[in-house]
C-alpha atoms as a PDB file:
ATOM      1  CA  UNK A   1     127.232 196.365  -9.740  1.00  0.00           C
ATOM      2  CA  UNK A   2     126.395 193.310  -7.666  1.00  0.00           C
ATOM      3  CA  UNK A   3     125.676 189.908  -9.228  1.00  0.00           C
ATOM      4  CA  UNK A   4     121.992 189.416 -10.275  1.00  0.00           C
ATOM      5  CA  UNK A   5     121.213 193.037 -10.768  1.00  0.00           C
ATOM      6  CA  UNK A   6     121.105 192.876 -14.518  1.00  0.00           C
ATOM      7  CA  UNK A   7     117.704 192.694 -16.207  1.00  0.00           C
ATOM      8  CA  UNK A   8     116.933 189.337 -17.664  1.00  0.00           C
ATOM      9  CA  UNK A   9     114.414 187.915 -20.301  1.00  0.00           C
ATOM     10  CA  UNK A  10     113.587 184.726 -22.167  1.00  0.00           C
ATOM     11  CA  UNK A  11     115.785 184.164 -25.255  1.00  0.00           C
ATOM     12  CA  UNK A  12     112.748 183.736 -27.575  1.00  0.00           C
ATOM     13  CA  UNK A  13     111.065 180.396 -26.989  1.00  0.00           C
ATOM     14  CA  UNK A  14     114.262 178.533 -26.260  1.00  0.00           C
ATOM     15  CA  UNK A  15     113.464 178.210 -22.725  1.00  0.00           C
ATOM     16  CA  UNK A  16     116.767 180.035 -21.753  1.00  0.00           C
ATOM     17  CA  UNK A  17     116.672 183.038 -19.726  1.00  0.00           C
ATOM     18  CA  UNK A  18     119.615 185.516 -20.187  1.00  0.00           C
ATOM     19  CA  UNK A  19     120.748 188.899 -19.131  1.00  0.00           C
ATOM     20  CA  UNK A  20     120.021 191.528 -21.613  1.00  0.00           C
ATOM     21  CA  UNK A  21     123.744 192.510 -21.418  1.00  0.00           C
ATOM     22  CA  UNK A  22     125.641 189.547 -22.719  1.00  0.00           C
ATOM     23  CA  UNK A  23     129.435 189.102 -23.431  1.00  0.00           C
ATOM     24  CA  UNK A  24     131.050 188.617 -26.854  1.00  0.00           C
ATOM     25  CA  UNK A  25     134.141 186.695 -26.248  1.00  0.00           C
ATOM     26  CA  UNK A  26     135.724 187.711 -29.589  1.00  0.00           C
ATOM     27  CA  UNK A  27     137.894 190.235 -27.793  1.00  0.00           C
ATOM     28  CA  UNK A  28     140.104 187.409 -26.395  1.00  0.00           C
ATOM     29  CA  UNK A  29     140.805 185.996 -29.833  1.00  0.00           C
ATOM     30  CA  UNK A  30     144.365 187.172 -29.742  1.00  0.00           C
ATOM     31  CA  UNK A  31     146.486 188.923 -32.556  1.00  0.00           C
ATOM     32  CA  UNK A  32     146.336 186.439 -35.292  1.00  0.00           C
ATOM     33  CA  UNK A  33     142.670 186.748 -36.106  1.00  0.00           C
ATOM     34  CA  UNK A  34     141.241 189.924 -37.806  1.00  0.00           C
ATOM     35  CA  UNK A  35     143.830 192.379 -36.383  1.00  0.00           C
ATOM     36  CA  UNK A  36     143.124 191.361 -32.887  1.00  0.00           C
ATOM     37  CA  UNK A  37     145.239 192.557 -29.955  1.00  0.00           C
ATOM     38  CA  UNK A  38     147.538 190.430 -28.028  1.00  0.00           C
ATOM     39  CA  UNK A  39     146.074 188.650 -24.966  1.00  0.00           C
ATOM     40  CA  UNK A  40     147.831 187.021 -22.161  1.00  0.00           C
ATOM     41  CA  UNK A  41     146.312 184.109 -20.114  1.00  0.00           C
ATOM     42  CA  UNK A  42     146.076 186.700 -17.045  1.00  0.00           C
ATOM     43  CA  UNK A  43     144.124 189.161 -19.179  1.00  0.00           C
ATOM     44  CA  UNK A  44     141.694 186.483 -20.472  1.00  0.00           C
ATOM     45  CA  UNK A  45     141.217 185.024 -16.957  1.00  0.00           C
ATOM     46  CA  UNK A  46     140.527 188.445 -15.675  1.00  0.00           C
ATOM     47  CA  UNK A  47     137.940 189.576 -17.865  1.00  0.00           C
ATOM     48  CA  UNK A  48     136.189 186.183 -18.299  1.00  0.00           C
ATOM     49  CA  UNK A  49     135.816 185.773 -14.707  1.00  0.00           C
ATOM     50  CA  UNK A  50     134.666 189.256 -14.097  1.00  0.00           C
ATOM     51  CA  UNK A  51     131.899 188.559 -16.725  1.00  0.00           C
ATOM     52  CA  UNK A  52     130.539 185.958 -14.723  1.00  0.00           C
ATOM     53  CA  UNK A  53     131.114 187.803 -11.411  1.00  0.00           C
ATOM     54  CA  UNK A  54     128.992 190.542 -12.421  1.00  0.00           C
ATOM     55  CA  UNK A  55     126.086 188.212 -13.272  1.00  0.00           C
ATOM     56  CA  UNK A  56     126.146 188.082 -16.955  1.00  0.00           C
ATOM     57  CA  UNK A  57     124.553 184.959 -18.048  1.00  0.00           C
ATOM     58  CA  UNK A  58     125.116 184.811 -21.923  1.00  0.00           C
ATOM     59  CA  UNK A  59     128.516 184.347 -23.491  1.00  0.00           C
ATOM     60  CA  UNK A  60     129.068 184.041 -27.259  1.00  0.00           C
ATOM     61  CA  UNK A  61     132.111 182.902 -29.127  1.00  0.00           C
ATOM     62  CA  UNK A  62     132.924 181.064 -32.348  1.00  0.00           C
ATOM     63  CA  UNK A  63     135.190 178.202 -33.655  1.00  0.00           C
ATOM     64  CA  UNK A  64     137.170 180.866 -35.617  1.00  0.00           C
ATOM     65  CA  UNK A  65     137.519 183.323 -32.825  1.00  0.00           C
ATOM     66  CA  UNK A  66     141.260 182.358 -32.553  1.00  0.00           C
ATOM     67  CA  UNK A  67     142.094 181.561 -28.710  1.00  0.00           C
ATOM     68  CA  UNK A  68     138.563 182.430 -27.557  1.00  0.00           C
ATOM     69  CA  UNK A  69     136.981 179.069 -27.163  1.00  0.00           C
ATOM     70  CA  UNK A  70     140.135 177.632 -25.570  1.00  0.00           C
ATOM     71  CA  UNK A  71     140.333 180.528 -22.922  1.00  0.00           C
ATOM     72  CA  UNK A  72     136.550 179.960 -22.077  1.00  0.00           C
ATOM     73  CA  UNK A  73     137.232 176.397 -21.447  1.00  0.00           C
ATOM     74  CA  UNK A  74     140.417 177.104 -19.514  1.00  0.00           C
ATOM     75  CA  UNK A  75     139.020 179.849 -17.287  1.00  0.00           C
ATOM     76  CA  UNK A  76     135.316 179.130 -17.074  1.00  0.00           C
ATOM     77  CA  UNK A  77     134.612 175.320 -17.326  1.00  0.00           C
ATOM     78  CA  UNK A  78     134.246 174.975 -13.605  1.00  0.00           C
ATOM     79  CA  UNK A  79     131.577 177.631 -13.798  1.00  0.00           C
ATOM     80  CA  UNK A  80     129.705 176.198 -16.736  1.00  0.00           C
ATOM     81  CA  UNK A  81     126.351 176.161 -14.841  1.00  0.00           C
ATOM     82  CA  UNK A  82     126.481 180.088 -14.296  1.00  0.00           C
ATOM     83  CA  UNK A  83     125.797 181.074 -18.003  1.00  0.00           C
ATOM     84  CA  UNK A  84     124.237 179.904 -21.323  1.00  0.00           C
ATOM     85  CA  UNK A  85     126.988 179.404 -23.918  1.00  0.00           C
ATOM     86  CA  UNK A  86     126.819 179.943 -27.500  1.00  0.00           C
ATOM     87  CA  UNK A  87     129.294 179.219 -30.427  1.00  0.00           C
ATOM     88  CA  UNK A  88     129.186 179.099 -34.128  1.00  0.00           C
ATOM     89  CA  UNK A  89     130.076 176.618 -36.759  1.00  0.00           C
ATOM     90  CA  UNK A  90     131.065 176.572 -40.438  1.00  0.00           C
ATOM     91  CA  UNK A  91     134.390 178.006 -39.485  1.00  0.00           C
ATOM     92  CA  UNK A  92     137.952 177.266 -40.523  1.00  0.00           C
ATOM     93  CA  UNK A  93     141.251 178.730 -39.379  1.00  0.00           C
ATOM     94  CA  UNK A  94     144.091 178.788 -41.998  1.00  0.00           C
ATOM     95  CA  UNK A  95     147.663 179.895 -41.143  1.00  0.00           C
ATOM     96  CA  UNK A  96     148.891 182.773 -43.413  1.00  0.00           C
ATOM     97  CA  UNK A  97     152.186 183.902 -42.290  1.00  0.00           C
ATOM     98  CA  UNK A  98     151.788 186.443 -39.506  1.00  0.00           C
ATOM     99  CA  UNK A  99     147.992 185.987 -39.238  1.00  0.00           C
ATOM    100  CA  UNK A 100     145.248 183.466 -39.835  1.00  0.00           C
ATOM    101  CA  UNK A 101     142.483 183.528 -42.578  1.00  0.00           C
ATOM    102  CA  UNK A 102     139.007 182.332 -41.680  1.00  0.00           C
ATOM    103  CA  UNK A 103     137.249 181.055 -44.778  1.00  0.00           C
ATOM    104  CA  UNK A 104     134.038 179.188 -44.212  1.00  0.00           C
ATOM    105  CA  UNK A 105     132.935 175.659 -45.229  1.00  0.00           C
ATOM    106  CA  UNK A 106     129.320 174.287 -44.947  1.00  0.00           C
ATOM    107  CA  UNK A 107     129.687 170.631 -45.705  1.00  0.00           C
ATOM    108  CA  UNK A 108     128.326 168.027 -43.057  1.00  0.00           C
ATOM    109  CA  UNK A 109     131.645 166.657 -42.064  1.00  0.00           C
ATOM    110  CA  UNK A 110     133.148 169.820 -41.535  1.00  0.00           C
ATOM    111  CA  UNK A 111     130.167 171.110 -39.259  1.00  0.00           C
ATOM    112  CA  UNK A 112     130.324 167.854 -37.327  1.00  0.00           C
ATOM    113  CA  UNK A 113     134.132 168.348 -36.781  1.00  0.00           C
ATOM    114  CA  UNK A 114     133.643 172.023 -35.862  1.00  0.00           C
ATOM    115  CA  UNK A 115     131.344 171.148 -32.857  1.00  0.00           C
ATOM    116  CA  UNK A 116     133.626 168.451 -31.626  1.00  0.00           C
ATOM    117  CA  UNK A 117     136.682 170.805 -31.806  1.00  0.00           C
ATOM    118  CA  UNK A 118     134.628 173.591 -30.037  1.00  0.00           C
ATOM    119  CA  UNK A 119     133.349 171.189 -27.244  1.00  0.00           C
ATOM    120  CA  UNK A 120     136.976 170.044 -26.654  1.00  0.00           C
ATOM    121  CA  UNK A 121     138.318 173.555 -26.379  1.00  0.00           C
ATOM    122  CA  UNK A 122     135.263 174.749 -24.244  1.00  0.00           C
ATOM    123  CA  UNK A 123     135.841 171.781 -21.950  1.00  0.00           C
ATOM    124  CA  UNK A 124     132.069 170.954 -22.031  1.00  0.00           C
ATOM    125  CA  UNK A 125     129.822 168.356 -23.425  1.00  0.00           C
ATOM    126  CA  UNK A 126     127.340 170.673 -25.019  1.00  0.00           C
ATOM    127  CA  UNK A 127     126.727 174.168 -25.989  1.00  0.00           C
ATOM    128  CA  UNK A 128     123.366 175.889 -25.292  1.00  0.00           C
ATOM    129  CA  UNK A 129     123.192 177.371 -28.705  1.00  0.00           C
ATOM    130  CA  UNK A 130     124.960 176.541 -31.919  1.00  0.00           C
ATOM    131  CA  UNK A 131     124.778 179.145 -34.713  1.00  0.00           C
ATOM    132  CA  UNK A 132     125.675 178.953 -38.359  1.00  0.00           C
ATOM    133  CA  UNK A 133     128.403 181.635 -38.858  1.00  0.00           C
ATOM    134  CA  UNK A 134     126.527 183.875 -41.629  1.00  0.00           C
ATOM    135  CA  UNK A 135     126.310 181.687 -44.648  1.00  0.00           C
ATOM    136  CA  UNK A 136     124.355 182.842 -47.768  1.00  0.00           C
ATOM    137  CA  UNK A 137     121.074 181.077 -48.634  1.00  0.00           C
ATOM    138  CA  UNK A 138     122.483 179.254 -51.492  1.00  0.00           C
ATOM    139  CA  UNK A 139     125.196 177.714 -49.613  1.00  0.00           C
ATOM    140  CA  UNK A 140     122.898 176.940 -46.747  1.00  0.00           C
ATOM    141  CA  UNK A 141     120.594 175.199 -49.258  1.00  0.00           C
ATOM    142  CA  UNK A 142     123.209 173.438 -51.271  1.00  0.00           C
ATOM    143  CA  UNK A 143     124.854 171.923 -48.097  1.00  0.00           C
ATOM    144  CA  UNK A 144     121.548 171.217 -46.272  1.00  0.00           C
ATOM    145  CA  UNK A 145     123.016 172.788 -43.158  1.00  0.00           C
ATOM    146  CA  UNK A 146     119.821 172.759 -41.378  1.00  0.00           C
ATOM    147  CA  UNK A 147     119.809 168.941 -41.493  1.00  0.00           C
ATOM    148  CA  UNK A 148     123.312 168.940 -40.088  1.00  0.00           C
ATOM    149  CA  UNK A 149     122.389 171.318 -37.196  1.00  0.00           C
ATOM    150  CA  UNK A 150     119.347 169.213 -36.293  1.00  0.00           C
ATOM    151  CA  UNK A 151     121.696 165.955 -36.419  1.00  0.00           C
ATOM    152  CA  UNK A 152     123.963 167.883 -33.781  1.00  0.00           C
ATOM    153  CA  UNK A 153     121.078 168.922 -31.692  1.00  0.00           C
ATOM    154  CA  UNK A 154     119.720 165.200 -31.594  1.00  0.00           C
ATOM    155  CA  UNK A 155     123.144 164.184 -30.584  1.00  0.00           C
ATOM    156  CA  UNK A 156     122.853 166.295 -27.489  1.00  0.00           C
ATOM    157  CA  UNK A 157     126.106 168.477 -28.263  1.00  0.00           C
ATOM    158  CA  UNK A 158     123.797 171.649 -28.932  1.00  0.00           C
ATOM    159  CA  UNK A 159     120.671 172.399 -27.058  1.00  0.00           C
ATOM    160  CA  UNK A 160     119.248 174.981 -29.601  1.00  0.00           C
ATOM    161  CA  UNK A 161     120.199 175.788 -33.052  1.00  0.00           C
ATOM    162  CA  UNK A 162     120.461 179.329 -34.563  1.00  0.00           C
ATOM    163  CA  UNK A 163     122.094 181.454 -37.138  1.00  0.00           C
ATOM    164  CA  UNK A 164     124.306 184.680 -37.275  1.00  0.00           C
ATOM    165  CA  UNK A 165     122.920 186.418 -40.388  1.00  0.00           C
ATOM    166  CA  UNK A 166     122.585 189.690 -42.367  1.00  0.00           C
ATOM    167  CA  UNK A 167     120.620 191.067 -45.157  1.00  0.00           C
ATOM    168  CA  UNK A 168     119.771 190.181 -47.990  1.00  0.00           C
ATOM    169  CA  UNK A 169     119.798 186.561 -46.349  1.00  0.00           C
ATOM    170  CA  UNK A 170     118.218 187.184 -43.076  1.00  0.00           C
ATOM    171  CA  UNK A 171     114.562 187.488 -44.068  1.00  0.00           C
ATOM    172  CA  UNK A 172     114.731 184.261 -45.933  1.00  0.00           C
ATOM    173  CA  UNK A 173     116.029 182.551 -42.822  1.00  0.00           C
ATOM    174  CA  UNK A 174     113.266 183.963 -40.632  1.00  0.00           C
ATOM    175  CA  UNK A 175     110.778 182.791 -43.166  1.00  0.00           C
ATOM    176  CA  UNK A 176     112.193 179.215 -42.940  1.00  0.00           C
ATOM    177  CA  UNK A 177     110.985 178.983 -39.389  1.00  0.00           C
ATOM    178  CA  UNK A 178     113.674 176.620 -38.208  1.00  0.00           C
ATOM    179  CA  UNK A 179     116.061 178.735 -36.340  1.00  0.00           C
ATOM    180  CA  UNK A 180     115.551 179.117 -32.546  1.00  0.00           C
ATOM    181  CA  UNK A 181     117.744 182.332 -32.318  1.00  0.00           C
ATOM    182  CA  UNK A 182     119.148 184.954 -34.691  1.00  0.00           C
ATOM    183  CA  UNK A 183     122.444 186.957 -34.019  1.00  0.00           C
ATOM    184  CA  UNK A 184     122.023 190.271 -35.925  1.00  0.00           C
ATOM    185  CA  UNK A 185     124.168 193.315 -36.334  1.00  0.00           C
ATOM    186  CA  UNK A 186     122.326 196.490 -35.011  1.00  0.00           C
ATOM    187  CA  UNK A 187     123.018 199.897 -33.320  1.00  0.00           C
ATOM    188  CA  UNK A 188     121.924 203.405 -33.601  1.00  0.00           C
ATOM    189  CA  UNK A 189     124.789 203.662 -36.247  1.00  0.00           C
ATOM    190  CA  UNK A 190     123.491 200.635 -38.244  1.00  0.00           C
ATOM    191  CA  UNK A 191     119.812 200.475 -38.345  1.00  0.00           C
ATOM    192  CA  UNK A 192     119.092 198.519 -41.524  1.00  0.00           C
ATOM    193  CA  UNK A 193     118.055 195.276 -39.575  1.00  0.00           C
ATOM    194  CA  UNK A 194     115.728 197.021 -37.186  1.00  0.00           C
ATOM    195  CA  UNK A 195     112.570 195.829 -38.531  1.00  0.00           C
ATOM    196  CA  UNK A 196     113.874 192.323 -39.262  1.00  0.00           C
ATOM    197  CA  UNK A 197     114.697 191.989 -35.497  1.00  0.00           C
ATOM    198  CA  UNK A 198     111.001 192.704 -34.898  1.00  0.00           C
ATOM    199  CA  UNK A 199     110.154 190.050 -37.463  1.00  0.00           C
ATOM    200  CA  UNK A 200     112.379 187.476 -35.874  1.00  0.00           C
ATOM    201  CA  UNK A 201     110.958 188.193 -32.429  1.00  0.00           C
ATOM    202  CA  UNK A 202     107.345 187.769 -33.681  1.00  0.00           C
ATOM    203  CA  UNK A 203     108.239 184.501 -35.154  1.00  0.00           C
ATOM    204  CA  UNK A 204     109.144 183.257 -31.744  1.00  0.00           C
ATOM    205  CA  UNK A 205     112.910 183.340 -32.184  1.00  0.00           C
ATOM    206  CA  UNK A 206     115.548 184.676 -29.689  1.00  0.00           C
ATOM    207  CA  UNK A 207     117.173 187.911 -30.893  1.00  0.00           C
ATOM    208  CA  UNK A 208     120.922 188.440 -30.053  1.00  0.00           C
ATOM    209  CA  UNK A 209     122.466 191.772 -31.179  1.00  0.00           C
ATOM    210  CA  UNK A 210     126.102 192.290 -31.957  1.00  0.00           C
ATOM    211  CA  UNK A 211     127.612 195.615 -32.692  1.00  0.00           C
ATOM    212  CA  UNK A 212     125.257 197.224 -30.374  1.00  0.00           C
ATOM    213  CA  UNK A 213     127.749 199.963 -29.315  1.00  0.00           C
ATOM    214  CA  UNK A 214     129.151 200.538 -32.759  1.00  0.00           C
ATOM    215  CA  UNK A 215     132.400 198.857 -31.850  1.00  0.00           C
ATOM    216  CA  UNK A 216     133.222 201.518 -29.427  1.00  0.00           C
ATOM    217  CA  UNK A 217     134.171 205.354 -29.594  1.00  0.00           C
ATOM    218  CA  UNK A 218     137.132 206.634 -31.299  1.00  0.00           C
ATOM    219  CA  UNK A 219     139.969 206.028 -28.978  1.00  0.00           C
ATOM    220  CA  UNK A 220     138.212 203.262 -27.276  1.00  0.00           C
ATOM    221  CA  UNK A 221     137.810 199.748 -29.077  1.00  0.00           C
ATOM    222  CA  UNK A 222     137.574 199.774 -32.966  1.00  0.00           C
ATOM    223  CA  UNK A 223     135.236 202.876 -33.370  1.00  0.00           C
ATOM    224  CA  UNK A 224     134.260 203.552 -36.976  1.00  0.00           C
ATOM    225  CA  UNK A 225     134.877 207.003 -38.251  1.00  0.00           C
ATOM    226  CA  UNK A 226     131.986 206.882 -40.694  1.00  0.00           C
ATOM    227  CA  UNK A 227     129.599 205.817 -37.954  1.00  0.00           C
ATOM    228  CA  UNK A 228     130.628 208.559 -35.681  1.00  0.00           C
ATOM    229  CA  UNK A 229     130.332 211.018 -38.403  1.00  0.00           C
ATOM    230  CA  UNK A 230     126.785 209.931 -38.669  1.00  0.00           C
ATOM    231  CA  UNK A 231     126.488 210.572 -35.029  1.00  0.00           C
ATOM    232  CA  UNK A 232     127.634 214.244 -35.490  1.00  0.00           C
ATOM    233  CA  UNK A 233     125.125 214.890 -38.410  1.00  0.00           C
ATOM    234  CA  UNK A 234     122.356 213.705 -36.019  1.00  0.00           C
ATOM    235  CA  UNK A 235     123.345 215.798 -33.317  1.00  0.00           C
ATOM    236  CA  UNK A 236     123.009 212.859 -30.865  1.00  0.00           C
ATOM    237  CA  UNK A 237     125.235 214.433 -28.264  1.00  0.00           C
ATOM    238  CA  UNK A 238     122.267 216.712 -27.478  1.00  0.00           C
ATOM    239  CA  UNK A 239     120.292 213.543 -26.244  1.00  0.00           C
ATOM    240  CA  UNK A 240     122.963 212.132 -23.909  1.00  0.00           C
ATOM    241  CA  UNK A 241     122.104 212.307 -20.146  1.00  0.00           C
ATOM    242  CA  UNK A 242     124.246 214.107 -17.700  1.00  0.00           C
ATOM    243  CA  UNK A 243     127.654 212.559 -17.756  1.00  0.00           C
ATOM    244  CA  UNK A 244     126.644 209.885 -20.010  1.00  0.00           C
ATOM    245  CA  UNK A 245     129.237 208.552 -22.578  1.00  0.00           C
ATOM    246  CA  UNK A 246     128.416 207.904 -26.141  1.00  0.00           C
ATOM    247  CA  UNK A 247     128.996 204.237 -25.674  1.00  0.00           C
ATOM    248  CA  UNK A 248     126.676 204.088 -22.724  1.00  0.00           C
ATOM    249  CA  UNK A 249     123.956 205.876 -24.622  1.00  0.00           C
ATOM    250  CA  UNK A 250     124.441 203.505 -27.571  1.00  0.00           C
ATOM    251  CA  UNK A 251     123.995 200.528 -25.534  1.00  0.00           C
ATOM    252  CA  UNK A 252     120.863 201.944 -23.968  1.00  0.00           C
ATOM    253  CA  UNK A 253     119.527 202.728 -27.433  1.00  0.00           C
ATOM    254  CA  UNK A 254     119.929 199.208 -28.464  1.00  0.00           C
ATOM    255  CA  UNK A 255     118.410 197.921 -25.362  1.00  0.00           C
ATOM    256  CA  UNK A 256     115.444 200.293 -26.270  1.00  0.00           C
ATOM    257  CA  UNK A 257     114.333 198.085 -29.168  1.00  0.00           C
ATOM    258  CA  UNK A 258     111.548 195.992 -27.601  1.00  0.00           C
ATOM    259  CA  UNK A 259     112.325 192.843 -29.625  1.00  0.00           C
ATOM    260  CA  UNK A 260     116.070 192.591 -28.525  1.00  0.00           C
ATOM    261  CA  UNK A 261     116.581 190.021 -25.915  1.00  0.00           C
ATOM    262  CA  UNK A 262     120.238 190.352 -25.402  1.00  0.00           C
ATOM    263  CA  UNK A 263     123.312 192.422 -26.675  1.00  0.00           C
ATOM    264  CA  UNK A 264     126.810 190.815 -26.862  1.00  0.00           C
ATOM    265  CA  UNK A 265     129.268 193.545 -26.025  1.00  0.00           C
ATOM    266  CA  UNK A 266     132.882 192.558 -25.903  1.00  0.00           C
ATOM    267  CA  UNK A 267     135.882 194.052 -24.143  1.00  0.00           C
ATOM    268  CA  UNK A 268     139.106 193.143 -22.967  1.00  0.00           C
ATOM    269  CA  UNK A 269     139.068 195.938 -20.232  1.00  0.00           C
ATOM    270  CA  UNK A 270     137.481 195.337 -16.889  1.00  0.00           C
ATOM    271  CA  UNK A 271     136.799 198.955 -16.662  1.00  0.00           C
ATOM    272  CA  UNK A 272     134.906 198.923 -19.820  1.00  0.00           C
ATOM    273  CA  UNK A 273     133.037 195.924 -18.736  1.00  0.00           C
ATOM    274  CA  UNK A 274     131.902 197.792 -15.547  1.00  0.00           C
ATOM    275  CA  UNK A 275     130.799 200.941 -17.606  1.00  0.00           C
ATOM    276  CA  UNK A 276     128.845 198.444 -19.931  1.00  0.00           C
ATOM    277  CA  UNK A 277     127.068 196.902 -16.878  1.00  0.00           C
ATOM    278  CA  UNK A 278     126.304 200.434 -15.462  1.00  0.00           C
ATOM    279  CA  UNK A 279     124.796 201.414 -18.778  1.00  0.00           C
ATOM    280  CA  UNK A 280     122.661 198.210 -19.041  1.00  0.00           C
ATOM    281  CA  UNK A 281     121.546 198.657 -15.391  1.00  0.00           C
ATOM    282  CA  UNK A 282     120.318 202.158 -16.238  1.00  0.00           C
ATOM    283  CA  UNK A 283     117.991 200.385 -18.766  1.00  0.00           C
ATOM    284  CA  UNK A 284     116.399 201.494 -22.071  1.00  0.00           C
ATOM    285  CA  UNK A 285     116.332 205.167 -22.970  1.00  0.00           C
ATOM    286  CA  UNK A 286     113.319 207.317 -21.993  1.00  0.00           C
ATOM    287  CA  UNK A 287     110.622 206.926 -24.808  1.00  0.00           C
ATOM    288  CA  UNK A 288     110.727 210.491 -25.772  1.00  0.00           C
ATOM    289  CA  UNK A 289     114.635 210.341 -26.135  1.00  0.00           C
ATOM    290  CA  UNK A 290     114.296 207.056 -28.115  1.00  0.00           C
ATOM    291  CA  UNK A 291     111.723 208.476 -30.422  1.00  0.00           C
ATOM    292  CA  UNK A 292     113.658 211.604 -30.963  1.00  0.00           C
ATOM    293  CA  UNK A 293     116.926 209.725 -31.643  1.00  0.00           C
ATOM    294  CA  UNK A 294     115.277 207.682 -34.383  1.00  0.00           C
ATOM    295  CA  UNK A 295     113.854 210.732 -35.974  1.00  0.00           C
ATOM    296  CA  UNK A 296     117.141 212.464 -36.077  1.00  0.00           C
ATOM    297  CA  UNK A 297     118.864 209.405 -37.526  1.00  0.00           C
ATOM    298  CA  UNK A 298     116.274 209.138 -40.207  1.00  0.00           C
ATOM    299  CA  UNK A 299     116.949 212.760 -41.175  1.00  0.00           C
ATOM    300  CA  UNK A 300     120.568 212.099 -41.086  1.00  0.00           C
ATOM    301  CA  UNK A 301     120.217 209.164 -43.665  1.00  0.00           C
ATOM    302  CA  UNK A 302     120.242 206.151 -41.280  1.00  0.00           C
ATOM    303  CA  UNK A 303     116.928 204.288 -41.447  1.00  0.00           C
ATOM    304  CA  UNK A 304     115.656 200.582 -41.344  1.00  0.00           C
ATOM    305  CA  UNK A 305     115.189 198.673 -44.339  1.00  0.00           C
ATOM    306  CA  UNK A 306     111.684 198.525 -45.576  1.00  0.00           C
END
C-alpha cells in the first residue's frame, strides 16, 4: 500500500490528474451535522494525514460539512501541493439546539462569502474545484449562479467550477456545457445515474462519484437496509472474489464504470481506509463479473434511468 500505487486518470478536461480513489471528508464533520459521529483533533489528524500518505490525490469537502474544512486546513495546509482540493458552495450552517441545520442560499453575495469562509478555514488561497451544492435548476437560473462561479474563478479563488447534482436536474446541467466536473451519487445499489455519468464524461466533464460503496455494510458506516436487501435479491454474494468483502466489491463495481474518473469514499477509521485502498488497487471487476452483476441488478429492479 505504498504511496503512488493507486491508479490515476485525468479529471475530465480540467487538466487535473487524480487518483481513482479519492477521499470524502464529510466523515470528519463532527456530531452537530447530519447525525455525525464525534471527532477528536487526534482522530482527524490521523485519518487526513493517512489519506495523503497512501497517495490519494483528490479530497472533497463542503462549506457545510461542520468541522471538515477547518480540519483540512489545520492538518493538511502544509501538504497542499500533494492533492487536488474540492469544496462546495451555496451552504449555510444554522445552530438548532443540539445540532446544526444546513439550508442553502444561492444569491451572489452568499456564494462570495462562502468561498472566502472556505479558504480561511482551509488555510489556502484557492481550491482546485468549486462545486455548487445540489441546487435545482430553477434556483440556479433565478440566482444566475453560473455567473457567480465564473466570477470566483476569474478571481483566482477557484481553478475549476463544477456542481454536485442529481436527477431530474442533472441532465439539464450537462446540457448547459458550463460545468467542468460533476459530482454524482452512484453505486451498484443506486444505478439511476449510470447513463448520465456516461453523458457527462462524453461532454468532456470530470466525473466524481459519491456513495460508491453504498455508505458501507450493515455494522460498518451507515449501511442502508433497503440497499442491502437489494443486494440479497440480486444474489451478489455469489460474485464476490475469495475473501472479498461486500464493501470492496462495491468499490470495484463503481470503478468498473468506464466513465467514472474518481470515487470519493469517506471514513474516520484508518483500517477502513486501508481496505478501500486495497480494493482500489485490485482495480475494476473482471468484465464478465461486471456484466453479470448488472444483469442480476436489472432483474432485481435496480436499473439506470433511460
